[in-house]
């Protein structure tokens, strides 16, 4: 699986499942942290389920999650 394919897989899972969790938080910083954490978890799960090596999955998940919110 290429890097682009891994990023597409991760991004797709985030977009399908992230939901609107920002409303649960009082300030933008807390919301950004929560969105990043959720996005990272969703990306990592999709990649590991697809058989991507854990170290690579963590790297790609972090990169993709950063597109949604900065930790």
Protein backbone atom coordinates (compact mmCIF):
# COMPACT_ATOMS: atom_id res chain seq x y z
CA UNK A 1 0.00 0.00 0.00
CA UNK A 2 1.45 3.38 -0.94
CA UNK A 3 1.68 6.35 1.40
CA UNK A 4 -1.07 8.13 -0.57
CA UNK A 5 -3.35 5.10 -0.26
CA UNK A 6 -2.69 4.90 3.49
CA UNK A 7 -3.48 8.61 3.91
CA UNK A 8 -6.67 8.24 1.86
CA UNK A 9 -7.79 5.27 3.96
CA UNK A 10 -7.07 7.11 7.21
CA UNK A 11 -8.74 10.34 6.05
CA UNK A 12 -11.83 8.45 4.89
CA UNK A 13 -12.29 6.74 8.24
CA UNK A 14 -11.90 10.05 10.07
CA UNK A 15 -14.42 11.79 7.85
CA UNK A 16 -16.96 8.98 8.28
CA UNK A 17 -16.72 8.76 12.05
CA UNK A 18 -15.40 11.98 13.57
CA UNK A 19 -18.74 13.62 14.23
CA UNK A 20 -19.13 17.04 15.74
CA UNK A 21 -17.35 16.67 19.08
CA UNK A 22 -16.15 20.28 19.18
CA UNK A 23 -19.47 21.43 20.64
CA UNK A 24 -18.75 19.47 23.82
CA UNK A 25 -15.85 21.74 24.79
CA UNK A 26 -15.80 25.23 26.24
CA UNK A 27 -12.69 26.54 24.52
CA UNK A 28 -11.03 26.05 21.15
CA UNK A 29 -7.84 24.57 22.58
CA UNK A 30 -9.67 21.77 24.37
CA UNK A 31 -11.75 21.10 21.28
CA UNK A 32 -8.68 20.98 19.04
CA UNK A 33 -6.96 18.50 21.36
CA UNK A 34 -10.04 16.27 21.48
CA UNK A 35 -10.53 16.40 17.71
CA UNK A 36 -6.87 15.55 17.11
CA UNK A 37 -7.03 12.62 19.54
CA UNK A 38 -10.22 11.26 18.00
CA UNK A 39 -8.91 11.74 14.44
CA UNK A 40 -5.63 10.03 15.31
CA UNK A 41 -7.44 7.05 16.85
CA UNK A 42 -9.77 6.66 13.87
CA UNK A 43 -6.87 6.89 11.42
CA UNK A 44 -4.73 4.44 13.36
CA UNK A 45 -7.57 1.93 13.67
CA UNK A 46 -8.25 1.98 9.93
CA UNK A 47 -4.59 1.52 9.06
CA UNK A 48 -3.94 -1.29 11.55
CA UNK A 49 -7.11 -3.05 10.40
CA UNK A 50 -5.77 -2.83 6.83
CA UNK A 51 -2.55 -4.56 7.91
CA UNK A 52 -0.21 -1.57 7.95
CA UNK A 53 2.81 -2.01 10.23
CA UNK A 54 2.19 -0.26 13.56
CA UNK A 55 5.13 2.16 13.33
CA UNK A 56 4.07 3.27 9.86
CA UNK A 57 0.42 3.43 10.91
CA UNK A 58 1.29 5.72 13.84
CA UNK A 59 3.29 8.04 11.59
CA UNK A 60 0.59 8.28 8.93
CA UNK A 61 -2.20 8.64 11.53
CA UNK A 62 -0.38 11.52 13.19
CA UNK A 63 0.17 13.28 9.88
CA UNK A 64 -3.43 12.89 8.75
CA UNK A 65 -4.90 13.82 12.16
CA UNK A 66 -2.88 17.04 12.08
CA UNK A 67 -4.85 18.08 9.01
CA UNK A 68 -8.01 18.06 11.11
CA UNK A 69 -6.62 19.74 14.26
CA UNK A 70 -3.28 20.48 15.82
CA UNK A 71 -2.55 18.85 19.19
